[in-house]
Amino acid sequence: MVRRRDVVLAKVYFSDSPESKTRPAIVFSDDHYHKANFLLVASITTATDDYCIPISEKDVNCVLDKNSSARFDGLLKLHVKQVLTVIGKVTPEFHSRLLGNIIGMIK
C-alpha cells in the first residue's frame, strides 16, 4: 500500500513525450485519496533551480542519485497502477518543508 511520504518508482508521462519514463517521486496524498486509485506526487530530479529542494541522505531512508532534488512547482496525478514499487520514505521534516514551499509558491 502506498502512503503519504513514500518515495516510489513510477511510470510518469511528461507533456513533451508520449512515452512514459520511470522516475522516483514523493507521495503527498493521504490514504483516503488512494482509495480512489490516484495519488499526488512531487517528482525527484537531478535538476537545480528555484523550484527544487535538494534531498540529502538525512532526508530519506533510501538511496537516490547523489544530486537529487524534489520539484515542487508541479504535482503529478498518477494512477496507482503507474507505481512500480515503494523504495523508501522521506522524513516528516523534509515532507513539511516541501509542502511549505508548495504553499508559498501559490500564495
N, C-alpha and C. Protein backbone atom coordinates (compact mmCIF):
# COMPACT_ATOMS: atom_id res chain seq x y z
N MET A 1 0.84 -1.18 0.00
CA MET A 1 0.00 0.00 0.00
C MET A 1 0.89 1.25 0.00
N VAL A 2 0.53 2.19 -0.81
CA VAL A 2 1.26 3.45 -0.90
C VAL A 2 0.74 4.40 0.17
N ARG A 3 1.66 5.09 0.83
CA ARG A 3 1.29 6.02 1.90
C ARG A 3 1.97 7.37 1.71
N ARG A 4 1.41 8.37 2.36
CA ARG A 4 2.00 9.71 2.34
C ARG A 4 3.46 9.63 2.79
N ARG A 5 4.33 10.39 2.14
CA ARG A 5 5.77 10.48 2.39
C ARG A 5 6.56 9.35 1.76
N ASP A 6 5.90 8.35 1.15
CA ASP A 6 6.64 7.28 0.48
C ASP A 6 7.40 7.84 -0.73
N VAL A 7 8.57 7.28 -0.97
CA VAL A 7 9.30 7.52 -2.21
C VAL A 7 9.01 6.31 -3.09
N VAL A 8 8.44 6.56 -4.26
CA VAL A 8 8.05 5.48 -5.16
C VAL A 8 8.78 5.60 -6.48
N LEU A 9 8.92 4.47 -7.16
CA LEU A 9 9.32 4.48 -8.56
C LEU A 9 8.04 4.35 -9.35
N ALA A 10 7.80 5.27 -10.28
CA ALA A 10 6.54 5.27 -11.01
C ALA A 10 6.76 5.56 -12.49
N LYS A 11 5.84 5.07 -13.31
CA LYS A 11 5.83 5.41 -14.73
C LYS A 11 5.18 6.78 -14.85
N VAL A 12 5.95 7.75 -15.29
CA VAL A 12 5.49 9.13 -15.37
C VAL A 12 5.45 9.56 -16.84
N TYR A 13 4.37 10.23 -17.21
CA TYR A 13 4.25 10.80 -18.56
C TYR A 13 4.48 12.29 -18.46
N PHE A 14 5.36 12.81 -19.31
CA PHE A 14 5.63 14.24 -19.35
C PHE A 14 4.99 14.84 -20.59
N SER A 15 4.68 16.12 -20.55
CA SER A 15 3.97 16.77 -21.64
C SER A 15 4.77 16.80 -22.95
N ASP A 16 6.09 16.67 -22.86
CA ASP A 16 6.90 16.75 -24.07
C ASP A 16 7.17 15.39 -24.72
N SER A 17 6.51 14.31 -24.21
CA SER A 17 6.75 12.98 -24.76
C SER A 17 5.54 12.07 -24.54
N PRO A 18 5.18 11.28 -25.56
CA PRO A 18 4.08 10.33 -25.39
C PRO A 18 4.50 9.07 -24.63
N GLU A 19 5.78 8.91 -24.41
CA GLU A 19 6.31 7.73 -23.73
C GLU A 19 6.46 7.98 -22.24
N SER A 20 6.27 6.94 -21.45
CA SER A 20 6.47 7.08 -20.01
C SER A 20 7.95 6.88 -19.67
N LYS A 21 8.35 7.46 -18.54
CA LYS A 21 9.69 7.28 -18.02
C LYS A 21 9.55 6.85 -16.57
N THR A 22 10.41 5.95 -16.14
CA THR A 22 10.39 5.53 -14.74
C THR A 22 11.18 6.54 -13.93
N ARG A 23 10.50 7.13 -12.95
CA ARG A 23 11.11 8.19 -12.15
C ARG A 23 10.74 8.01 -10.68
N PRO A 24 11.63 8.41 -9.77
CA PRO A 24 11.26 8.43 -8.35
C PRO A 24 10.39 9.66 -8.08
N ALA A 25 9.51 9.52 -7.09
CA ALA A 25 8.61 10.62 -6.73
C ALA A 25 8.21 10.46 -5.26
N ILE A 26 7.77 11.57 -4.68
CA ILE A 26 7.35 11.60 -3.27
C ILE A 26 5.84 11.73 -3.21
N VAL A 27 5.18 10.87 -2.44
CA VAL A 27 3.73 10.86 -2.34
C VAL A 27 3.25 11.93 -1.35
N PHE A 28 2.24 12.71 -1.77
CA PHE A 28 1.65 13.74 -0.93
C PHE A 28 0.25 13.40 -0.47
N SER A 29 -0.51 12.68 -1.27
CA SER A 29 -1.90 12.42 -0.93
C SER A 29 -2.03 11.46 0.24
N ASP A 30 -3.20 11.51 0.89
CA ASP A 30 -3.42 10.66 2.06
C ASP A 30 -4.05 9.32 1.67
N ASP A 31 -4.17 8.42 2.63
CA ASP A 31 -4.69 7.08 2.37
C ASP A 31 -6.10 7.09 1.80
N HIS A 32 -6.94 8.02 2.25
CA HIS A 32 -8.30 8.12 1.73
C HIS A 32 -8.29 8.42 0.24
N TYR A 33 -7.42 9.31 -0.18
CA TYR A 33 -7.30 9.67 -1.59
C TYR A 33 -6.86 8.47 -2.42
N HIS A 34 -6.00 7.63 -1.88
CA HIS A 34 -5.51 6.45 -2.60
C HIS A 34 -6.61 5.45 -2.89
N LYS A 35 -7.67 5.46 -2.10
CA LYS A 35 -8.78 4.54 -2.35
C LYS A 35 -9.46 4.84 -3.68
N ALA A 36 -9.28 6.06 -4.18
CA ALA A 36 -9.82 6.43 -5.48
C ALA A 36 -8.85 6.04 -6.60
N ASN A 37 -7.77 5.35 -6.25
CA ASN A 37 -6.77 4.84 -7.20
C ASN A 37 -5.88 5.90 -7.83
N PHE A 38 -5.77 7.06 -7.20
CA PHE A 38 -4.86 8.08 -7.69
C PHE A 38 -4.03 8.61 -6.53
N LEU A 39 -2.90 9.17 -6.84
CA LEU A 39 -2.09 9.80 -5.81
C LEU A 39 -1.39 11.01 -6.41
N LEU A 40 -1.04 11.94 -5.56
CA LEU A 40 -0.32 13.13 -5.98
C LEU A 40 1.13 13.01 -5.54
N VAL A 41 2.03 13.33 -6.46
CA VAL A 41 3.45 13.20 -6.14
C VAL A 41 4.24 14.40 -6.63
N ALA A 42 5.35 14.64 -5.97
CA ALA A 42 6.35 15.60 -6.45
C ALA A 42 7.48 14.78 -7.04
N SER A 43 7.88 15.09 -8.25
CA SER A 43 8.92 14.31 -8.89
C SER A 43 10.30 14.60 -8.29
N ILE A 44 11.16 13.62 -8.37
CA ILE A 44 12.55 13.76 -7.91
C ILE A 44 13.41 13.88 -9.16
N THR A 45 14.30 14.84 -9.17
CA THR A 45 15.09 15.16 -10.34
C THR A 45 16.53 15.45 -9.94
N THR A 46 17.39 15.54 -10.92
CA THR A 46 18.76 15.99 -10.66
C THR A 46 18.90 17.45 -11.08
N ALA A 47 17.80 18.08 -11.50
CA ALA A 47 17.82 19.50 -11.87
C ALA A 47 18.02 20.36 -10.63
N THR A 48 18.50 21.54 -10.85
CA THR A 48 18.63 22.51 -9.75
C THR A 48 18.12 23.85 -10.24
N ASP A 49 17.08 24.34 -9.61
CA ASP A 49 16.57 25.68 -9.89
C ASP A 49 15.78 26.14 -8.66
N ASP A 50 15.12 27.27 -8.77
CA ASP A 50 14.41 27.83 -7.62
C ASP A 50 13.19 27.02 -7.19
N TYR A 51 12.81 26.02 -7.98
CA TYR A 51 11.63 25.22 -7.68
C TYR A 51 11.99 23.78 -7.29
N CYS A 52 13.21 23.61 -6.82
CA CYS A 52 13.69 22.31 -6.37
C CYS A 52 14.30 22.44 -4.98
N ILE A 53 14.09 21.44 -4.15
CA ILE A 53 14.72 21.38 -2.84
C ILE A 53 15.69 20.19 -2.84
N PRO A 54 16.97 20.42 -2.59
CA PRO A 54 17.92 19.31 -2.54
C PRO A 54 17.53 18.29 -1.47
N ILE A 55 17.72 17.02 -1.79
CA ILE A 55 17.44 15.93 -0.85
C ILE A 55 18.78 15.37 -0.37
N SER A 56 19.01 15.43 0.93
CA SER A 56 20.25 14.87 1.47
C SER A 56 19.97 13.48 2.03
N GLU A 57 21.03 12.78 2.39
CA GLU A 57 20.90 11.43 2.95
C GLU A 57 20.06 11.41 4.22
N LYS A 58 20.08 12.51 5.00
CA LYS A 58 19.31 12.56 6.25
C LYS A 58 17.82 12.79 6.01
N ASP A 59 17.44 13.16 4.77
CA ASP A 59 16.04 13.45 4.44
C ASP A 59 15.25 12.24 3.98
N VAL A 60 15.93 11.16 3.67
CA VAL A 60 15.27 9.99 3.06
C VAL A 60 15.97 8.71 3.52
N ASN A 61 15.20 7.62 3.59
CA ASN A 61 15.80 6.36 4.04
C ASN A 61 16.06 5.38 2.89
N CYS A 62 16.32 5.93 1.69
CA CYS A 62 16.68 5.09 0.55
C CYS A 62 17.79 5.78 -0.22
N VAL A 63 18.35 5.08 -1.17
CA VAL A 63 19.45 5.62 -1.96
C VAL A 63 18.88 6.27 -3.22
N LEU A 64 19.21 7.55 -3.40
CA LEU A 64 18.84 8.29 -4.61
C LEU A 64 20.12 8.77 -5.28
N ASP A 65 20.00 9.29 -6.50
CA ASP A 65 21.17 9.88 -7.15
C ASP A 65 21.78 10.92 -6.23
N LYS A 66 23.08 11.08 -6.32
CA LYS A 66 23.84 11.96 -5.44
C LYS A 66 23.27 13.38 -5.37
N ASN A 67 22.86 13.94 -6.48
CA ASN A 67 22.40 15.33 -6.52
C ASN A 67 20.89 15.43 -6.71
N SER A 68 20.12 14.58 -6.05
CA SER A 68 18.67 14.59 -6.22
C SER A 68 18.02 15.78 -5.53
N SER A 69 16.94 16.24 -6.15
CA SER A 69 16.12 17.33 -5.60
C SER A 69 14.65 16.98 -5.82
N ALA A 70 13.79 17.54 -4.99
CA ALA A 70 12.34 17.35 -5.15
C ALA A 70 11.77 18.60 -5.81
N ARG A 71 11.05 18.42 -6.91
CA ARG A 71 10.40 19.53 -7.61
C ARG A 71 9.10 19.85 -6.90
N PHE A 72 8.83 21.12 -6.67
CA PHE A 72 7.57 21.48 -6.02
C PHE A 72 6.72 22.41 -6.88
N ASP A 73 7.10 22.59 -8.14
CA ASP A 73 6.34 23.50 -8.99
C ASP A 73 5.30 22.81 -9.87
N GLY A 74 5.11 21.53 -9.69
CA GLY A 74 4.09 20.82 -10.46
C GLY A 74 3.84 19.45 -9.90
N LEU A 75 2.76 19.30 -9.12
CA LEU A 75 2.43 17.97 -8.62
C LEU A 75 1.87 17.14 -9.76
N LEU A 76 2.19 15.87 -9.74
CA LEU A 76 1.70 14.94 -10.75
C LEU A 76 0.57 14.11 -10.17
N LYS A 77 -0.45 13.86 -10.97
CA LYS A 77 -1.53 12.97 -10.56
C LYS A 77 -1.34 11.66 -11.31
N LEU A 78 -1.14 10.59 -10.56
CA LEU A 78 -0.87 9.28 -11.15
C LEU A 78 -1.91 8.26 -10.72
N HIS A 79 -2.16 7.31 -11.58
CA HIS A 79 -2.97 6.15 -11.20
C HIS A 79 -2.07 5.23 -10.39
N VAL A 80 -2.61 4.60 -9.38
CA VAL A 80 -1.82 3.72 -8.52
C VAL A 80 -1.11 2.64 -9.34
N LYS A 81 -1.70 2.20 -10.44
CA LYS A 81 -1.07 1.17 -11.28
C LYS A 81 0.22 1.66 -11.94
N GLN A 82 0.44 2.98 -11.95
CA GLN A 82 1.69 3.51 -12.50
C GLN A 82 2.84 3.37 -11.52
N VAL A 83 2.54 3.09 -10.25
CA VAL A 83 3.59 2.91 -9.25
C VAL A 83 4.17 1.50 -9.39
N LEU A 84 5.47 1.44 -9.59
CA LEU A 84 6.13 0.15 -9.75
C LEU A 84 6.51 -0.44 -8.40
N THR A 85 7.02 0.41 -7.51
CA THR A 85 7.42 -0.07 -6.19
C THR A 85 7.66 1.11 -5.24
N VAL A 86 7.55 0.83 -3.97
CA VAL A 86 7.93 1.80 -2.94
C VAL A 86 9.38 1.52 -2.60
N ILE A 87 10.22 2.58 -2.64
CA ILE A 87 11.65 2.36 -2.38
C ILE A 87 12.12 2.99 -1.08
N GLY A 88 11.27 3.79 -0.44
CA GLY A 88 11.69 4.42 0.80
C GLY A 88 10.67 5.42 1.29
N LYS A 89 11.12 6.32 2.16
CA LYS A 89 10.24 7.31 2.77
C LYS A 89 11.07 8.54 3.10
N VAL A 90 10.48 9.74 2.87
CA VAL A 90 11.14 10.97 3.30
C VAL A 90 10.76 11.23 4.75
N THR A 91 11.59 11.99 5.44
CA THR A 91 11.30 12.33 6.84
C THR A 91 10.11 13.28 6.92
N PRO A 92 9.42 13.29 8.06
CA PRO A 92 8.32 14.26 8.24
C PRO A 92 8.79 15.70 8.06
N GLU A 93 10.02 16.00 8.51
CA GLU A 93 10.55 17.36 8.40
C GLU A 93 10.75 17.77 6.94
N PHE A 94 11.30 16.86 6.14
CA PHE A 94 11.51 17.17 4.72
C PHE A 94 10.16 17.32 4.02
N HIS A 95 9.23 16.44 4.32
CA HIS A 95 7.89 16.50 3.72
C HIS A 95 7.23 17.83 4.05
N SER A 96 7.33 18.28 5.30
CA SER A 96 6.76 19.56 5.71
C SER A 96 7.43 20.73 4.99
N ARG A 97 8.73 20.66 4.84
CA ARG A 97 9.46 21.72 4.15
C ARG A 97 9.02 21.80 2.68
N LEU A 98 8.88 20.64 2.06
CA LEU A 98 8.44 20.59 0.67
C LEU A 98 7.02 21.14 0.53
N LEU A 99 6.14 20.73 1.44
CA LEU A 99 4.77 21.23 1.43
C LEU A 99 4.73 22.74 1.65
N GLY A 100 5.56 23.24 2.56
CA GLY A 100 5.64 24.68 2.79
C GLY A 100 6.05 25.45 1.55
N ASN A 101 6.96 24.88 0.77
CA ASN A 101 7.38 25.54 -0.47
C ASN A 101 6.26 25.53 -1.51
N ILE A 102 5.49 24.46 -1.56
CA ILE A 102 4.35 24.40 -2.48
C ILE A 102 3.33 25.48 -2.11
N ILE A 103 3.00 25.55 -0.84
CA ILE A 103 2.02 26.55 -0.37
C ILE A 103 2.56 27.96 -0.61
N GLY A 104 3.82 28.20 -0.31
CA GLY A 104 4.42 29.52 -0.52
C GLY A 104 4.40 29.93 -1.97
N MET A 105 4.55 28.98 -2.88
CA MET A 105 4.57 29.29 -4.30
C MET A 105 3.19 29.75 -4.80
N ILE A 106 2.11 29.19 -4.21
CA ILE A 106 0.78 29.53 -4.72
C ILE A 106 0.09 30.62 -3.92
N LYS A 107 0.71 31.10 -2.84
CA LYS A 107 0.11 32.19 -2.04
C LYS A 107 0.23 33.50 -2.77
